[in-house]
C-alpha atoms as a PDB file:
ATOM      1  CA  MET A   1      -2.824  25.572  10.147  1.00  0.00           C
ATOM      2  CA  LYS A   2       0.595  26.840  10.561  1.00  0.00           C
ATOM      3  CA  GLY A   3       3.511  24.528   8.395  1.00  0.00           C
ATOM      4  CA  GLN A   4       1.221  23.086   5.987  1.00  0.00           C
ATOM      5  CA  SER A   5      -2.260  23.391   4.524  1.00  0.00           C
ATOM      6  CA  ILE A   6      -5.175  21.040   6.125  1.00  0.00           C
ATOM      7  CA  ASN A   7      -5.377  19.732   2.292  1.00  0.00           C
ATOM      8  CA  GLU A   8      -1.746  18.701   2.479  1.00  0.00           C
ATOM      9  CA  PHE A   9      -2.104  17.082   5.914  1.00  0.00           C
ATOM     10  CA  ILE A  10      -4.898  15.117   4.718  1.00  0.00           C
ATOM     11  CA  ASP A  11      -3.628  14.316   1.441  1.00  0.00           C
ATOM     12  CA  ASP A  12      -0.513  12.886   2.993  1.00  0.00           C
ATOM     13  CA  LEU A  13      -2.378  10.672   5.273  1.00  0.00           C
ATOM     14  CA  ILE A  14      -4.356   9.184   2.770  1.00  0.00           C
ATOM     15  CA  SER A  15      -1.578   9.039  -0.098  1.00  0.00           C
ATOM     16  CA  MET A  16       1.508   8.204   2.021  1.00  0.00           C
ATOM     17  CA  GLY A  17       0.265   5.411   3.907  1.00  0.00           C
ATOM     18  CA  GLY A  18       0.086   7.636   7.070  1.00  0.00           C
ATOM     19  CA  PRO A  19       3.059   9.246   7.729  1.00  0.00           C
ATOM     20  CA  GLU A  20       4.307  10.398  11.149  1.00  0.00           C
ATOM     21  CA  LYS A  21       3.231  13.494  11.801  1.00  0.00           C
ATOM     22  CA  GLU A  22       3.691  15.804  15.239  1.00  0.00           C
ATOM     23  CA  PHE A  23       1.852  19.047  15.949  1.00  0.00           C
ATOM     24  CA  VAL A  24       0.454  21.020  18.525  1.00  0.00           C
ATOM     25  CA  PHE A  25      -3.036  22.442  19.429  1.00  0.00           C
ATOM     26  CA  ARG A  26      -3.712  24.838  22.265  1.00  0.00           C
ATOM     27  CA  ASN A  27      -1.345  23.603  25.213  1.00  0.00           C
ATOM     28  CA  ARG A  28      -1.272  19.954  23.738  1.00  0.00           C
ATOM     29  CA  PHE A  29       0.957  17.834  21.645  1.00  0.00           C
ATOM     30  CA  PHE A  30       0.108  15.444  19.489  1.00  0.00           C
ATOM     31  CA  PHE A  31       1.924  12.478  17.737  1.00  0.00           C
ATOM     32  CA  LEU A  32      -0.174  10.605  14.925  1.00  0.00           C
ATOM     33  CA  GLU A  33       0.998   7.460  13.198  1.00  0.00           C
ATOM     34  CA  THR A  34      -0.213   4.437  11.252  1.00  0.00           C
ATOM     35  CA  MET A  35       0.701   0.868  12.186  1.00  0.00           C
ATOM     36  CA  PHE A  36      -0.280  -2.383  10.687  1.00  0.00           C
ATOM     37  CA  ARG A  37      -1.569  -4.544  13.415  1.00  0.00           C
ATOM     38  CA  ASP A  38      -1.053  -8.365  12.804  1.00  0.00           C
ATOM     39  CA  GLU A  39      -2.967  -9.640  15.303  1.00  0.00           C
ATOM     40  CA  LYS A  40      -6.105  -7.670  14.288  1.00  0.00           C
ATOM     41  CA  ASP A  41      -5.396  -7.687  10.454  1.00  0.00           C
ATOM     42  CA  MET A  42      -6.119  -4.163  10.341  1.00  0.00           C
ATOM     43  CA  LEU A  43      -4.435  -0.829  10.051  1.00  0.00           C
ATOM     44  CA  GLU A  44      -4.526   1.581  13.158  1.00  0.00           C
ATOM     45  CA  LEU A  45      -4.399   5.187  12.537  1.00  0.00           C
ATOM     46  CA  TYR A  46      -3.301   6.177  16.106  1.00  0.00           C
ATOM     47  CA  LEU A  47      -3.111   9.898  17.888  1.00  0.00           C
ATOM     48  CA  ASP A  48      -1.466  10.004  20.798  1.00  0.00           C
ATOM     49  CA  GLU A  49      -2.196  13.201  23.213  1.00  0.00           C
ATOM     50  CA  TYR A  50       0.188  14.672  25.410  1.00  0.00           C
ATOM     51  CA  ASP A  51      -0.388  17.805  27.850  1.00  0.00           C
ATOM     52  CA  ASN A  52       2.508  20.365  26.552  1.00  0.00           C
ATOM     53  CA  THR A  53       1.786  23.083  29.157  1.00  0.00           C
ATOM     54  CA  ASN A  54       5.939  22.532  29.803  1.00  0.00           C
ATOM     55  CA  PRO A  55       6.923  21.113  26.628  1.00  0.00           C
ATOM     56  CA  LYS A  56      10.038  19.685  28.299  1.00  0.00           C
ATOM     57  CA  GLU A  57       7.439  17.536  30.558  1.00  0.00           C
ATOM     58  CA  LYS A  58       5.265  16.023  28.203  1.00  0.00           C
ATOM     59  CA  VAL A  59       2.412  14.104  30.014  1.00  0.00           C
ATOM     60  CA  PHE A  60       0.703  11.553  28.235  1.00  0.00           C
ATOM     61  CA  VAL A  61      -3.032  12.329  28.302  1.00  0.00           C
ATOM     62  CA  ALA A  62      -4.820   9.774  25.925  1.00  0.00           C
ATOM     63  CA  ARG A  63      -4.606   7.392  22.674  1.00  0.00           C
ATOM     64  CA  HIS A  64      -7.241   7.947  19.898  1.00  0.00           C
ATOM     65  CA  SER A  65      -7.465   5.151  17.907  1.00  0.00           C
ATOM     66  CA  PHE A  66      -9.121   4.601  14.314  1.00  0.00           C
ATOM     67  CA  TRP A  67      -9.231   1.522  12.716  1.00  0.00           C
ATOM     68  CA  GLY A  68      -9.770   0.182   9.004  1.00  0.00           C
ATOM     69  CA  LYS A  69      -8.859  -2.280   6.252  1.00  0.00           C
ATOM     70  CA  THR A  70      -7.644   0.759   4.246  1.00  0.00           C
ATOM     71  CA  ASN A  71      -6.009   4.311   4.954  1.00  0.00           C
ATOM     72  CA  LEU A  72      -8.509   5.797   3.831  1.00  0.00           C
ATOM     73  CA  GLU A  73     -10.977   4.041   5.990  1.00  0.00           C
ATOM     74  CA  CYS A  74      -8.787   5.261   9.042  1.00  0.00           C
ATOM     75  CA  VAL A  75      -8.643   8.894   7.895  1.00  0.00           C
ATOM     76  CA  ASN A  76     -12.175   9.109   7.333  1.00  0.00           C
ATOM     77  CA  GLN A  77     -12.657   8.215  11.010  1.00  0.00           C
ATOM     78  CA  PHE A  78     -10.090  10.648  12.093  1.00  0.00           C
ATOM     79  CA  GLU A  79     -11.610  13.296  10.097  1.00  0.00           C
ATOM     80  CA  GLN A  80     -14.992  12.772  11.903  1.00  0.00           C
ATOM     81  CA  ALA A  81     -13.454  12.188  15.405  1.00  0.00           C
ATOM     82  CA  LYS A  82     -13.913  15.641  17.877  1.00  0.00           C
ATOM     83  CA  VAL A  83     -10.984  14.674  19.765  1.00  0.00           C
ATOM     84  CA  PHE A  84      -9.579  18.761  19.882  1.00  0.00           C
ATOM     85  CA  ASP A  85     -11.652  19.940  22.663  1.00  0.00           C
ATOM     86  CA  GLY A  86     -14.844  18.965  20.936  1.00  0.00           C
ATOM     87  CA  LEU A  87     -13.632  19.753  17.643  1.00  0.00           C
ATOM     88  CA  THR A  88     -12.604  17.956  14.471  1.00  0.00           C
ATOM     89  CA  ILE A  89      -9.342  18.633  12.457  1.00  0.00           C
ATOM     90  CA  TYR A  90     -11.060  20.975  10.645  1.00  0.00           C
ATOM     91  CA  GLY A  91     -12.456  22.858  13.075  1.00  0.00           C
ATOM     92  CA  ALA A  92      -9.225  22.672  15.056  1.00  0.00           C
ATOM     93  CA  GLU A  93      -7.276  23.404  12.063  1.00  0.00           C
ATOM     94  CA  PRO A  94      -6.706  27.164  12.334  1.00  0.00           C
ATOM     95  CA  GLU A  95      -5.050  26.710  15.995  1.00  0.00           C
ATOM     96  CA  ILE A  96      -2.883  23.589  14.942  1.00  0.00           C
ATOM     97  CA  GLU A  97       0.814  23.997  13.990  1.00  0.00           C
ATOM     98  CA  VAL A  98       2.447  21.040  12.422  1.00  0.00           C
ATOM     99  CA  LEU A  99       6.051  20.495  13.642  1.00  0.00           C
ATOM    100  CA  PHE A 100       6.955  17.365  11.806  1.00  0.00           C
ATOM    101  CA  GLY A 101       5.458  15.199   8.680  1.00  0.00           C
END
């Protein structure tokens, strides 16, 4: 991972309440943030995915949502999800460049 270590990345998500993060993996741009959803009385860690083939024209691809009562619950789900071309964040980590967060 370029820009920070995987441990710093995950620790930020857990300890800081899910700060906003922006990063790239292969030809995709990802925006990650945690929001409290009043209507569900739960936290949502969401990961928006964009086609980044042409960075000036990011095209929305998908939203991946991870729900829980705590940041830790959300982050645990995120860590296990295979949203990076069938890889978890740990498998994708060598190809990720953190841009912000």
